[in-house]
């Protein structure tokens, strides 16, 4: 039977258990270690002690002490004690010595304590390692004697409880730090979200404004490129607008032919913006400006890795246009190899990208333009006949500027106003002599050449009125209209009998003036001979073209004085006005 504990040990055990309460209720690790050290000293009746804890670097550090100070522990007199503590920290086992100076385990260390001491060192376990140690001692000749071995098991359990409480404090501290970090991160996130919400709100306003601007721009583009806004009031242009107004709602190909500079792309854009496809893309490409090896990829697109350098896929114009319009300018320059693939696109309504294995449907409308005569190109073998008929569902031929001279004043004034607005010039106007000179020029470069001439003349002129002398025209454009050679025609037919010409004139109601008689067919007065003044007149259309040109030349010569023009033409003013209405020639304004 185990003898009961002495009364003093029982009391000390009760004190140890009582000391557990402040240890567990300590507010921070330092207070916990102080309370634990006090409880162990009270339980073992030790005189002094200290607690070591490992730092993150692994070195032990004094965190609590009783009847000792840290400098004393770090001094030479405690060298042997430090060795014992390091032993406990490395081995994780408790240490007890009734007389440290006589302990054979640590002989050879001559460091002196103030007296022979009995020492107890308890490890503080944490998981599989040792977090620290509790050291207590007392003199061997103390009334209580050396430290008792039977106190070690209970002291070890107390040390374990202390280590668990210490770990709990450290975890709580980490949780508090993490909580603070999370709180700070949450505050930062809330500020960031608030800032993002403000940015999103601002961007939403900008986006809404951009959408309004885009819608306004689209409407402006639509207005800019409508047929009503294209400068051209001649009957020829009126017939073109009539045809395009009829065809713009239908998804059929349109072929626009005409000389360079006549405004074929402008008409193609008007066809797009004036119809139901106005909100879809208008994709234009100049087939003459792109090398053959690149034209196919620009039109049909390619897959990634289709050839060297194809690092990303490209959808091509036909797919990029969506349900809009693809404008193929200068299609007469397209290589035959690409023509064959374009024909398949028109037939199948689908396109296969370079390097692709499947065809993709397209819904874009195709509008083509050429300054070449595609019929002649087909005959010469430079253009596929089947492709020509696929493109030529509706053909529109834009007349050159020299065949619609009556449009020159409106075009010239429009270009003059636009260049003044674009570069900030003061408002200028053209003199009558300058306008007459513009109308007499042949304009082989058509509307584009006229626009460039007006720009340079407006910039280099000095006053508010651009005079005839200040016009910047190439030398080839200064020949008067009457001196220009007539276009090549077939030989003139035999002279028309007097009664036949008169009958024809009477029946039409348009040839009743003196110039339309048998001795007529003249471009000026009645004295001119048919052979010299009107070569190549074969039919009514030839006569009307010559008659219209004769009236225009006379009006320009008379500076649009209709009374004087009627006298020179040897017709009445009433007859002149009737001809002006018939030919679509507007007044001097």
Protein backbone atom coordinates (compact mmCIF):
# COMPACT_ATOMS: atom_id res chain seq x y z
CA UNK A 1 0.00 0.00 0.00
CA UNK A 2 1.40 3.39 -1.04
CA UNK A 3 1.94 5.63 1.95
CA UNK A 4 0.00 8.89 1.84
CA UNK A 5 1.72 12.10 0.81
CA UNK A 6 3.09 14.26 3.56
CA UNK A 7 0.78 17.05 4.53
CA UNK A 8 3.12 19.74 3.11
CA UNK A 9 3.26 17.97 -0.31
CA UNK A 10 -0.48 17.60 -0.41
CA UNK A 11 -0.81 21.30 0.20
CA UNK A 12 1.72 22.04 -2.49
CA UNK A 13 -0.14 19.80 -4.95
CA UNK A 14 -3.34 21.65 -4.20
CA UNK A 15 -1.49 24.91 -4.78
CA UNK A 16 -0.22 23.56 -8.11
CA UNK A 17 -3.72 22.70 -9.19
CA UNK A 18 -4.94 26.05 -7.99
CA UNK A 19 -2.14 27.71 -9.94
CA UNK A 20 -3.50 26.14 -13.10
CA UNK A 21 -6.42 28.56 -13.09
CA UNK A 22 -4.39 31.76 -13.62
CA UNK A 23 -2.23 29.92 -16.16
CA UNK A 24 -5.23 29.00 -18.25
CA UNK A 25 -6.81 32.42 -17.81
CA UNK A 26 -3.70 34.43 -18.68
CA UNK A 27 -4.28 37.22 -21.17
CA UNK A 28 -1.08 36.75 -23.14
CA UNK A 29 1.85 34.27 -23.42
CA UNK A 30 4.17 36.31 -21.19
CA UNK A 31 1.64 36.39 -18.33
CA UNK A 32 0.98 32.66 -18.84
CA UNK A 33 4.67 31.82 -18.51
CA UNK A 34 5.01 33.98 -15.40
CA UNK A 35 2.05 32.23 -13.74
CA UNK A 36 3.30 28.77 -14.72
CA UNK A 37 6.81 29.44 -13.39
CA UNK A 38 5.37 30.73 -10.09
CA UNK A 39 3.20 27.60 -9.74
CA UNK A 40 6.14 25.21 -10.38
CA UNK A 41 8.37 27.09 -7.92
CA UNK A 42 5.62 26.94 -5.29
CA UNK A 43 5.01 23.24 -5.91
CA UNK A 44 8.69 22.22 -5.79
CA UNK A 45 9.58 24.72 -3.03
CA UNK A 46 12.32 25.98 -5.37
CA UNK A 47 14.07 29.23 -4.71
CA UNK A 48 14.30 30.52 -8.26
CA UNK A 49 13.75 29.61 -11.87
CA UNK A 50 13.29 30.75 -15.45
CA UNK A 51 11.52 29.66 -18.67
CA UNK A 52 13.22 29.21 -22.03
CA UNK A 53 11.38 29.25 -25.39
CA UNK A 54 12.75 28.53 -28.83
CA UNK A 55 12.72 31.43 -31.23
CA UNK A 56 11.97 30.99 -34.93
CA UNK A 57 15.71 30.81 -35.53
CA UNK A 58 15.88 27.79 -33.17
CA UNK A 59 17.92 29.51 -30.45
CA UNK A 60 16.50 29.48 -26.85
CA UNK A 61 15.55 32.74 -25.21
CA UNK A 62 14.61 33.58 -21.61
CA UNK A 63 10.93 34.58 -21.58
CA UNK A 64 10.17 34.57 -17.81
CA UNK A 65 12.31 34.49 -14.61
CA UNK A 66 11.87 34.50 -10.83
CA UNK A 67 14.68 35.56 -8.39
CA UNK A 68 16.91 35.79 -11.45
CA UNK A 69 17.42 38.23 -14.27
CA UNK A 70 18.16 37.53 -17.87
CA UNK A 71 21.73 38.87 -17.68
CA UNK A 72 22.53 36.43 -14.86
CA UNK A 73 21.20 33.51 -16.90
CA UNK A 74 23.23 34.64 -19.91
CA UNK A 75 26.39 35.04 -17.76
CA UNK A 76 29.31 32.62 -17.31
CA UNK A 77 27.99 31.32 -13.98
CA UNK A 78 25.07 29.65 -15.76
CA UNK A 79 27.06 28.03 -18.54
CA UNK A 80 26.44 24.56 -17.08
CA UNK A 81 22.73 25.37 -16.66
CA UNK A 82 22.46 26.42 -20.28
CA UNK A 83 24.06 23.12 -21.31
CA UNK A 84 21.45 21.26 -19.29
CA UNK A 85 18.65 23.31 -20.88
CA UNK A 86 19.98 22.59 -24.37
CA UNK A 87 20.07 18.90 -23.47
CA UNK A 88 16.43 18.95 -22.39
CA UNK A 89 15.43 20.89 -25.50
CA UNK A 90 17.17 18.41 -27.77
CA UNK A 91 16.17 15.19 -25.98
CA UNK A 92 12.73 16.19 -24.72
CA UNK A 93 13.23 14.50 -21.36
CA UNK A 94 13.02 15.95 -17.83
CA UNK A 95 16.22 16.46 -15.87
CA UNK A 96 16.73 16.24 -12.08
CA UNK A 97 19.97 16.57 -10.16
CA UNK A 98 20.19 16.66 -6.39
CA UNK A 99 23.62 18.35 -6.57
CA UNK A 100 24.65 19.89 -9.82
CA UNK A 101 28.26 20.37 -8.83
CA UNK A 102 28.60 16.64 -8.13
CA UNK A 103 26.61 15.43 -11.14
CA UNK A 104 28.90 13.18 -13.25
CA UNK A 105 26.94 14.00 -16.42
CA UNK A 106 28.24 17.55 -16.48
CA UNK A 107 31.69 17.36 -15.03
CA UNK A 108 34.45 19.35 -16.59
CA UNK A 109 32.51 22.56 -16.61
CA UNK A 110 34.08 24.70 -13.88
CA UNK A 111 31.46 27.42 -13.96
CA UNK A 112 30.48 28.30 -10.39
CA UNK A 113 27.04 28.72 -8.99
CA UNK A 114 26.67 30.72 -5.84
CA UNK A 115 26.29 27.39 -3.93
CA UNK A 116 25.78 23.70 -4.67
CA UNK A 117 22.36 23.44 -6.21
CA UNK A 118 19.63 20.89 -6.78
CA UNK A 119 18.18 21.42 -10.31
CA UNK A 120 14.96 20.36 -12.09
CA UNK A 121 14.36 21.10 -15.82
CA UNK A 122 10.97 20.26 -17.39
CA UNK A 123 10.42 20.19 -21.18
CA UNK A 124 7.52 22.05 -22.80
CA UNK A 125 6.37 19.74 -25.59
CA UNK A 126 4.54 20.97 -28.68
CA UNK A 127 3.54 18.27 -31.10
CA UNK A 128 6.53 16.07 -31.85
CA UNK A 129 9.04 18.73 -30.84
CA UNK A 130 10.08 20.73 -27.79
CA UNK A 131 9.10 24.38 -27.63
CA UNK A 132 10.96 25.27 -24.44
CA UNK A 133 11.88 24.31 -20.88
CA UNK A 134 11.14 25.31 -17.28
CA UNK A 135 14.18 25.51 -14.96
CA UNK A 136 13.95 25.63 -11.13
CA UNK A 137 16.60 25.05 -8.43
CA UNK A 138 17.35 25.44 -4.75
CA UNK A 139 20.32 25.05 -2.45
CA UNK A 140 21.18 21.58 -1.33
CA UNK A 141 21.43 22.70 2.29
CA UNK A 142 18.01 24.30 2.28
CA UNK A 143 15.67 23.15 5.08
CA UNK A 144 13.58 21.26 2.56
CA UNK A 145 16.64 19.48 1.19
CA UNK A 146 17.22 18.83 -2.48
CA UNK A 147 14.40 18.76 -5.02
CA UNK A 148 12.41 15.57 -4.74
CA UNK A 149 12.17 13.03 -7.57
CA UNK A 150 8.54 12.22 -6.69
CA UNK A 151 7.60 15.81 -7.72
CA UNK A 152 8.79 15.31 -11.30
CA UNK A 153 5.75 13.38 -12.74
CA UNK A 154 3.20 15.92 -11.52
CA UNK A 155 5.44 18.81 -12.50
CA UNK A 156 5.80 17.27 -15.99
CA UNK A 157 2.02 17.10 -16.37
CA UNK A 158 1.73 20.70 -15.30
CA UNK A 159 4.42 21.60 -17.82
CA UNK A 160 2.47 19.78 -20.53
CA UNK A 161 -0.68 21.70 -19.64
CA UNK A 162 1.33 24.90 -19.72
CA UNK A 163 2.72 23.99 -23.16
CA UNK A 164 -0.81 23.27 -24.46
CA UNK A 165 -2.10 26.57 -23.08
CA UNK A 166 0.89 28.34 -24.61
CA UNK A 167 0.21 26.73 -28.03
CA UNK A 168 -3.43 27.72 -27.74
CA UNK A 169 -2.40 31.32 -27.06
CA UNK A 170 -0.07 31.29 -30.04
CA UNK A 171 -2.78 29.89 -32.28
CA UNK A 172 -5.25 32.45 -31.01
CA UNK A 173 -2.67 35.12 -31.70
CA UNK A 174 -2.23 33.84 -35.23
CA UNK A 175 -5.99 33.76 -35.62
CA UNK A 176 -6.19 37.35 -34.42
CA UNK A 177 -3.45 38.35 -36.84
CA UNK A 178 -5.20 36.45 -39.63
CA UNK A 179 -8.49 38.01 -38.61
CA UNK A 180 -6.93 41.47 -38.67
CA UNK A 181 -5.41 40.73 -42.03
CA UNK A 182 -8.74 39.47 -43.32
CA UNK A 183 -10.48 42.50 -41.90
CA UNK A 184 -7.92 44.75 -43.56
CA UNK A 185 -8.21 42.76 -46.79
CA UNK A 186 -12.00 42.99 -46.56
CA UNK A 187 -11.81 46.75 -46.07
CA UNK A 188 -9.42 47.00 -49.00
CA UNK A 189 -11.73 44.80 -51.06
CA UNK A 190 -14.73 46.93 -50.14
CA UNK A 191 -12.87 50.08 -51.11
CA UNK A 192 -11.75 48.41 -54.33
CA UNK A 193 -15.30 47.23 -55.07
CA UNK A 194 -16.63 50.69 -54.33
CA UNK A 195 -14.02 52.17 -56.63
CA UNK A 196 -14.82 49.54 -59.28
CA UNK A 197 -18.52 50.27 -58.97
CA UNK A 198 -17.80 53.94 -59.49
CA UNK A 199 -15.60 53.06 -62.46
CA UNK A 200 -18.28 50.76 -63.85
CA UNK A 201 -20.88 53.48 -63.41
CA UNK A 202 -18.59 55.97 -65.13
CA UNK A 203 -17.79 53.49 -67.91
CA UNK A 204 -21.49 52.77 -68.30
CA UNK A 205 -22.12 56.45 -68.80
CA UNK A 206 -19.22 56.59 -71.27
CA UNK A 207 -20.51 53.49 -73.04
CA UNK A 208 -23.99 54.92 -73.29
CA UNK A 209 -22.53 58.14 -74.66
CA UNK A 210 -20.35 56.16 -77.06
CA UNK A 211 -23.41 54.21 -78.23
CA UNK A 212 -25.26 57.46 -78.78
CA UNK A 213 -22.25 58.87 -80.62
CA UNK A 214 -21.97 55.70 -82.69
CA UNK A 215 -25.64 55.81 -83.52
CA UNK A 216 -25.29 59.48 -84.42
CA UNK A 217 -22.21 58.66 -86.51
CA UNK A 218 -24.04 55.87 -88.27
CA UNK A 219 -26.93 58.18 -88.99
CA UNK A 220 -24.46 60.81 -90.21
CA UNK A 221 -22.77 58.22 -92.42
CA UNK A 222 -26.12 57.18 -93.74
CA UNK A 223 -26.95 60.81 -94.54
CA UNK A 224 -23.51 61.38 -95.99
CA UNK A 225 -23.68 58.42 -98.32
CA UNK A 226 -27.31 58.54 -99.37
CA UNK A 227 -28.05 59.13 -103.02
CA UNK A 228 -29.70 62.44 -102.20
CA UNK A 229 -26.40 63.71 -100.81
CA UNK A 230 -24.27 62.72 -103.81
CA UNK A 231 -23.59 65.75 -105.96
CA UNK A 232 -25.08 65.01 -109.35
CA UNK A 233 -28.29 66.42 -110.82
CA UNK A 234 -27.70 65.44 -114.41
CA UNK A 235 -30.16 63.06 -116.10
CA UNK A 236 -27.45 60.40 -116.27
CA UNK A 237 -26.96 60.43 -112.51
CA UNK A 238 -30.72 60.54 -111.98
CA UNK A 239 -31.10 57.32 -113.95
CA UNK A 240 -28.36 55.68 -111.84
CA UNK A 241 -30.05 56.68 -108.59
CA UNK A 242 -33.37 55.35 -109.87
CA UNK A 243 -31.85 51.93 -110.63
CA UNK A 244 -30.03 51.73 -107.29
CA UNK A 245 -33.13 52.74 -105.34
CA UNK A 246 -34.91 49.81 -106.93
CA UNK A 247 -32.16 47.28 -106.18
CA UNK A 248 -30.87 48.35 -102.74
CA UNK A 249 -33.38 46.23 -100.81
CA UNK A 250 -32.49 43.00 -102.61
CA UNK A 251 -29.35 40.92 -101.86
CA UNK A 252 -28.24 40.63 -105.49
CA UNK A 253 -24.69 41.46 -106.67
CA UNK A 254 -24.16 44.83 -108.30
CA UNK A 255 -21.41 45.68 -110.79
CA UNK A 256 -20.38 49.35 -111.00
CA UNK A 257 -18.29 50.31 -113.99
CA UNK A 258 -16.78 53.61 -114.98
CA UNK A 259 -13.55 55.50 -115.39
CA UNK A 260 -11.23 56.14 -112.45
CA UNK A 261 -12.32 59.02 -110.27
CA UNK A 262 -16.01 58.93 -111.16
CA UNK A 263 -17.08 58.00 -107.64
CA UNK A 264 -17.78 54.27 -107.91
CA UNK A 265 -17.00 53.60 -104.24
CA UNK A 266 -19.18 56.53 -103.19
CA UNK A 267 -22.09 54.96 -105.04
CA UNK A 268 -21.33 51.55 -103.46
CA UNK A 269 -21.39 53.13 -100.00
CA UNK A 270 -24.65 54.89 -100.80
CA UNK A 271 -26.10 51.55 -101.88
CA UNK A 272 -25.03 50.08 -98.50
CA UNK A 273 -26.03 52.95 -96.20
CA UNK A 274 -29.30 53.61 -97.98
CA UNK A 275 -30.58 50.05 -97.59
CA UNK A 276 -31.44 47.59 -94.81
CA UNK A 277 -27.76 46.64 -94.34
CA UNK A 278 -26.76 50.11 -93.13
CA UNK A 279 -26.09 48.94 -89.54
CA UNK A 280 -23.80 46.12 -90.67
CA UNK A 281 -20.11 46.53 -91.67
CA UNK A 282 -19.06 47.88 -95.07
CA UNK A 283 -15.83 46.08 -95.96
CA UNK A 284 -13.88 47.47 -98.94
CA UNK A 285 -10.78 46.09 -100.63
CA UNK A 286 -8.81 47.20 -103.68
CA UNK A 287 -7.99 44.05 -105.63
CA UNK A 288 -5.25 45.86 -107.57
CA UNK A 289 -3.40 47.05 -104.47
CA UNK A 290 -2.84 43.65 -102.78
CA UNK A 291 -0.41 40.99 -104.04
CA UNK A 292 -1.94 37.76 -105.29
CA UNK A 293 -0.52 35.67 -102.43
CA UNK A 294 -2.18 37.95 -99.86
CA UNK A 295 -5.46 38.69 -101.62
CA UNK A 296 -6.90 35.24 -100.96
CA UNK A 297 -6.20 35.40 -97.21
CA UNK A 298 -7.63 38.93 -97.03
CA UNK A 299 -10.85 37.82 -98.68
CA UNK A 300 -11.39 34.36 -97.25
CA UNK A 301 -9.31 34.42 -94.03
CA UNK A 302 -7.11 31.62 -92.69
CA UNK A 303 -6.79 29.24 -89.76
CA UNK A 304 -4.00 29.36 -87.21
CA UNK A 305 -0.96 27.46 -88.47
CA UNK A 306 -2.22 27.40 -92.06
CA UNK A 307 1.17 28.71 -93.23
CA UNK A 308 4.38 30.13 -91.82
CA UNK A 309 3.60 33.24 -89.78
CA UNK A 310 -0.10 32.40 -89.27
CA UNK A 311 0.17 32.62 -85.47
CA UNK A 312 -3.45 33.67 -85.04
CA UNK A 313 -6.53 32.97 -87.14
CA UNK A 314 -8.07 35.63 -89.38
CA UNK A 315 -11.71 35.60 -90.46
CA UNK A 316 -11.38 37.48 -93.77
CA UNK A 317 -13.58 40.18 -95.31
CA UNK A 318 -16.53 37.99 -96.26
CA UNK A 319 -17.03 36.77 -92.70
CA UNK A 320 -16.07 40.10 -91.10
CA UNK A 321 -18.79 41.82 -93.14
CA UNK A 322 -21.43 39.65 -91.39
CA UNK A 323 -24.70 40.66 -93.14
CA UNK A 324 -23.25 43.88 -94.50
CA UNK A 325 -21.52 44.63 -97.81
CA UNK A 326 -18.23 43.52 -99.35
CA UNK A 327 -16.99 46.05 -101.93
CA UNK A 328 -14.47 44.59 -104.40
CA UNK A 329 -12.87 47.60 -106.09
CA UNK A 330 -10.88 47.15 -109.32
CA UNK A 331 -12.11 43.57 -109.63
CA UNK A 332 -10.80 43.47 -113.19
CA UNK A 333 -7.30 43.24 -111.67
CA UNK A 334 -8.12 40.09 -109.67
CA UNK A 335 -5.93 37.09 -110.61
CA UNK A 336 -7.67 34.19 -112.34
CA UNK A 337 -6.82 31.79 -109.50
CA UNK A 338 -8.69 33.98 -107.00
CA UNK A 339 -11.53 34.53 -109.48
CA UNK A 340 -12.27 30.80 -109.43
CA UNK A 341 -12.59 30.79 -105.63
CA UNK A 342 -14.70 33.96 -105.67
CA UNK A 343 -17.03 32.28 -108.16
CA UNK A 344 -17.56 29.42 -105.71
CA UNK A 345 -18.31 31.89 -102.92
CA UNK A 346 -20.98 33.51 -105.10
CA UNK A 347 -22.46 30.15 -106.09
CA UNK A 348 -22.45 28.39 -102.71
CA UNK A 349 -22.84 31.40 -100.38
CA UNK A 350 -20.07 29.99 -98.20
CA UNK A 351 -16.34 30.48 -97.75
CA UNK A 352 -13.58 28.13 -96.67
CA UNK A 353 -10.61 29.79 -94.86
CA UNK A 354 -7.09 28.86 -95.91
CA UNK A 355 -6.06 25.81 -93.89
CA UNK A 356 -9.66 25.06 -92.91
CA UNK A 357 -11.52 21.81 -93.52
CA UNK A 358 -15.09 23.08 -93.34
CA UNK A 359 -16.88 25.85 -95.21
CA UNK A 360 -18.65 28.60 -93.30
CA UNK A 361 -21.81 30.32 -94.56
CA UNK A 362 -21.77 34.02 -95.42
CA UNK A 363 -24.60 36.52 -95.80
CA UNK A 364 -22.75 39.58 -97.08
CA UNK A 365 -23.82 41.36 -100.26
CA UNK A 366 -21.16 41.71 -102.95
CA UNK A 367 -20.70 44.94 -104.86
CA UNK A 368 -17.89 45.02 -107.44
CA UNK A 369 -16.38 47.91 -109.38
CA UNK A 370 -14.01 48.16 -112.31
CA UNK A 371 -12.58 50.87 -114.52
CA UNK A 372 -11.95 48.26 -117.20
CA UNK A 373 -14.43 46.99 -119.74
CA UNK A 374 -15.04 43.53 -118.31
CA UNK A 375 -16.64 42.33 -121.55
CA UNK A 376 -13.37 43.04 -123.32
CA UNK A 377 -11.45 41.39 -120.48
CA UNK A 378 -13.61 38.28 -120.87
CA UNK A 379 -12.98 38.26 -124.62
CA UNK A 380 -9.23 38.58 -124.00
CA UNK A 381 -9.27 35.69 -121.52
CA UNK A 382 -8.24 37.81 -118.55
CA UNK A 383 -11.56 37.55 -116.72
CA UNK A 384 -13.78 34.51 -116.22
CA UNK A 385 -17.00 34.70 -118.18
CA UNK A 386 -18.99 32.77 -115.57
CA UNK A 387 -17.81 35.11 -112.82
CA UNK A 388 -18.70 38.12 -114.96
CA UNK A 389 -22.31 36.94 -115.30
CA UNK A 390 -22.47 36.15 -111.59
CA UNK A 391 -21.38 39.68 -110.71
CA UNK A 392 -23.34 41.42 -113.43
CA UNK A 393 -26.84 40.80 -112.07
CA UNK A 394 -27.34 44.58 -112.00
CA UNK A 395 -24.83 46.75 -113.85
CA UNK A 396 -24.46 50.46 -113.22
CA UNK A 397 -22.26 52.53 -115.50
CA UNK A 398 -21.11 55.83 -114.00
CA UNK A 399 -20.62 58.44 -116.73
CA UNK A 400 -17.38 60.44 -116.84
CA UNK A 401 -17.49 64.05 -115.75
CA UNK A 402 -17.11 65.34 -119.31
CA UNK A 403 -20.49 63.77 -120.15
CA UNK A 404 -22.28 65.58 -117.31
CA UNK A 405 -20.79 69.04 -117.46
CA UNK A 406 -23.87 70.53 -115.79
CA UNK A 407 -22.76 68.85 -112.51
CA UNK A 408 -19.44 70.73 -112.43
CA UNK A 409 -20.71 73.98 -110.79
CA UNK A 410 -22.37 72.12 -107.90
CA UNK A 411 -19.37 69.83 -107.46
CA UNK A 412 -16.88 72.71 -107.54
CA UNK A 413 -18.83 74.75 -104.97
CA UNK A 414 -19.20 71.66 -102.73
CA UNK A 415 -15.47 70.93 -102.81
CA UNK A 416 -14.67 74.59 -102.16
CA UNK A 417 -16.88 74.67 -99.08
CA UNK A 418 -15.48 71.38 -97.79
CA UNK A 419 -11.81 72.36 -98.11
CA UNK A 420 -12.56 75.65 -96.36
CA UNK A 421 -14.20 73.80 -93.46
CA UNK A 422 -11.55 71.05 -93.26
CA UNK A 423 -8.44 73.23 -93.08
CA UNK A 424 -9.92 76.44 -91.68
CA UNK A 425 -9.77 78.66 -94.76
CA UNK A 426 -12.04 81.71 -94.96
CA UNK A 427 -15.11 81.24 -97.10
CA UNK A 428 -14.29 81.54 -100.79
CA UNK A 429 -16.19 81.40 -104.05
CA UNK A 430 -15.35 80.92 -107.71
CA UNK A 431 -15.60 83.72 -110.22
CA UNK A 432 -17.76 83.27 -113.34
CA UNK A 433 -14.68 83.10 -115.52
CA UNK A 434 -13.17 80.44 -113.25
CA UNK A 435 -16.38 78.41 -113.37
CA UNK A 436 -16.48 78.74 -117.16
CA UNK A 437 -12.92 77.51 -117.38
CA UNK A 438 -13.75 74.53 -115.14
CA UNK A 439 -16.70 73.61 -117.36
CA UNK A 440 -14.59 73.79 -120.50
CA UNK A 441 -11.92 71.39 -119.19
CA UNK A 442 -12.14 67.71 -120.25
CA UNK A 443 -11.26 66.28 -116.78
CA UNK A 444 -9.71 62.93 -117.71
CA UNK A 445 -9.36 62.22 -113.96
CA UNK A 446 -13.06 63.00 -113.46
CA UNK A 447 -14.47 64.06 -110.07
CA UNK A 448 -11.31 63.16 -108.16
CA UNK A 449 -9.21 65.40 -110.40
CA UNK A 450 -11.72 68.23 -110.07
CA UNK A 451 -11.63 67.94 -106.27
CA UNK A 452 -7.83 68.12 -106.17
CA UNK A 453 -7.81 71.11 -108.51
CA UNK A 454 -10.32 72.96 -106.30
CA UNK A 455 -8.30 72.18 -103.16
CA UNK A 456 -5.02 73.48 -104.54
CA UNK A 457 -6.69 76.54 -106.06
CA UNK A 458 -8.46 77.42 -102.79
CA UNK A 459 -5.27 77.10 -100.76
CA UNK A 460 -3.07 79.11 -103.13
CA UNK A 461 -5.57 81.85 -104.05
CA UNK A 462 -5.14 85.21 -102.27
CA UNK A 463 -8.59 86.74 -102.05
CA UNK A 464 -12.11 85.60 -101.24
CA UNK A 465 -12.86 85.02 -104.92
CA UNK A 466 -10.89 82.42 -106.87
CA UNK A 467 -10.27 83.92 -110.30
CA UNK A 468 -9.71 82.05 -113.54
CA UNK A 469 -6.03 82.95 -113.42
CA UNK A 470 -5.69 81.46 -109.93
CA UNK A 471 -7.08 78.07 -110.92
CA UNK A 472 -4.41 75.38 -110.60
CA UNK A 473 -5.15 73.24 -113.62
CA UNK A 474 -2.78 70.92 -115.51
CA UNK A 475 -1.82 72.08 -118.95
CA UNK A 476 -3.90 69.32 -120.50
CA UNK A 477 -7.08 70.85 -119.03
CA UNK A 478 -6.86 74.35 -120.48
CA UNK A 479 -8.05 73.49 -124.01
CA UNK A 480 -11.51 75.02 -124.65
CA UNK A 481 -14.34 72.58 -125.13
CA UNK A 482 -14.97 73.64 -128.74
CA UNK A 483 -11.41 72.81 -129.71
CA UNK A 484 -11.45 69.31 -128.20
CA UNK A 485 -11.48 66.51 -130.75
CA UNK A 486 -14.77 64.67 -131.05
CA UNK A 487 -14.89 61.07 -129.83
CA UNK A 488 -14.22 58.46 -132.50
CA UNK A 489 -17.41 57.42 -134.24
CA UNK A 490 -18.47 55.62 -137.36
CA UNK A 491 -18.70 57.59 -140.61
CA UNK A 492 -21.66 59.93 -140.93
CA UNK A 493 -24.71 58.69 -142.84
CA UNK A 494 -25.84 60.37 -146.07
CA UNK A 495 -27.52 63.78 -145.75
CA UNK A 496 -31.10 63.59 -144.51
CA UNK A 497 -33.75 65.02 -146.88
CA UNK A 498 -35.31 68.27 -145.82
CA UNK A 499 -38.84 66.94 -145.47
CA UNK A 500 -37.66 63.89 -143.49
CA UNK A 501 -35.78 65.97 -140.95
CA UNK A 502 -38.69 68.35 -140.59
CA UNK A 503 -41.12 65.52 -140.04
CA UNK A 504 -38.91 63.94 -137.46
CA UNK A 505 -38.52 67.21 -135.64
CA UNK A 506 -42.22 67.93 -135.64
CA UNK A 507 -43.14 64.51 -134.35
CA UNK A 508 -40.70 64.69 -131.46
CA UNK A 509 -41.45 68.24 -130.41
CA UNK A 510 -37.73 68.77 -129.64
CA UNK A 511 -36.24 69.75 -133.00
CA UNK A 512 -38.46 72.68 -134.02
CA UNK A 513 -35.71 75.31 -133.99
CA UNK A 514 -33.74 76.35 -137.03
CA UNK A 515 -30.69 74.34 -136.06
CA UNK A 516 -32.57 71.10 -136.47
CA UNK A 517 -33.45 71.61 -140.16
CA UNK A 518 -31.92 69.86 -143.14
CA UNK A 519 -29.11 72.31 -143.44
CA UNK A 520 -28.66 72.05 -139.73
CA UNK A 521 -27.10 69.32 -137.58
CA UNK A 522 -24.91 72.26 -136.58
CA UNK A 523 -23.32 72.92 -133.20
CA UNK A 524 -23.20 76.71 -133.60
CA UNK A 525 -24.98 78.99 -136.07
CA UNK A 526 -26.80 77.92 -139.18
CA UNK A 527 -23.82 78.54 -141.42
CA UNK A 528 -21.81 75.53 -140.25
CA UNK A 529 -21.69 72.54 -142.51
CA UNK A 530 -22.81 69.10 -141.38
CA UNK A 531 -19.46 67.55 -142.13
CA UNK A 532 -17.43 70.01 -140.08
CA UNK A 533 -19.72 70.58 -137.13
CA UNK A 534 -21.39 67.28 -136.36
CA UNK A 535 -19.37 64.28 -137.56
CA UNK A 536 -20.63 60.80 -136.80
CA UNK A 537 -24.29 61.60 -136.10
CA UNK A 538 -26.16 58.42 -136.84
CA UNK A 539 -29.36 58.60 -134.86
CA UNK A 540 -31.50 60.63 -132.52
CA UNK A 541 -29.36 59.91 -129.45
CA UNK A 542 -26.22 61.21 -131.21
CA UNK A 543 -28.05 64.34 -132.21
CA UNK A 544 -29.35 64.99 -128.68
CA UNK A 545 -25.87 64.54 -127.21
CA UNK A 546 -24.41 67.04 -129.70
CA UNK A 547 -27.31 69.44 -129.20
CA UNK A 548 -26.93 69.33 -125.43
CA UNK A 549 -23.18 69.95 -125.64
CA UNK A 550 -23.77 72.82 -128.11
CA UNK A 551 -26.18 74.49 -125.67
CA UNK A 552 -23.83 74.03 -122.70
CA UNK A 553 -20.85 75.47 -124.58
CA UNK A 554 -22.92 78.46 -125.68
CA UNK A 555 -24.21 79.09 -122.12
CA UNK A 556 -20.67 79.00 -120.74
CA UNK A 557 -19.52 81.35 -123.50
CA UNK A 558 -22.34 83.75 -122.60
CA UNK A 559 -21.75 83.36 -118.86
CA UNK A 560 -25.20 81.77 -118.58
CA UNK A 561 -26.99 84.76 -120.12
CA UNK A 562 -29.90 82.89 -121.68
CA UNK A 563 -31.08 85.75 -123.90
CA UNK A 564 -27.65 86.08 -125.50
CA UNK A 565 -27.29 82.30 -125.71
CA UNK A 566 -30.63 82.02 -127.55
CA UNK A 567 -29.47 84.69 -130.02
CA UNK A 568 -26.21 82.83 -130.70
CA UNK A 569 -28.08 79.53 -131.05
CA UNK A 570 -30.60 81.25 -133.36
CA UNK A 571 -33.55 79.95 -131.37
CA UNK A 572 -36.19 81.63 -129.23
CA UNK A 573 -35.80 81.91 -125.46
CA UNK A 574 -38.90 79.79 -125.01
CA UNK A 575 -37.38 77.06 -127.15
CA UNK A 576 -34.12 77.34 -125.19
CA UNK A 577 -35.92 76.87 -121.87
CA UNK A 578 -37.71 73.86 -123.27
CA UNK A 579 -34.38 72.32 -124.30
CA UNK A 580 -32.86 73.10 -120.89
CA UNK A 581 -35.72 71.24 -119.24
CA UNK A 582 -35.49 68.35 -121.67
CA UNK A 583 -31.74 67.87 -121.18
CA UNK A 584 -31.83 68.41 -117.41
CA UNK A 585 -29.63 71.54 -117.56
CA UNK A 586 -30.22 73.88 -114.62
CA UNK A 587 -29.94 77.65 -114.62
CA UNK A 588 -26.88 79.83 -114.31
CA UNK A 589 -26.93 79.43 -110.50
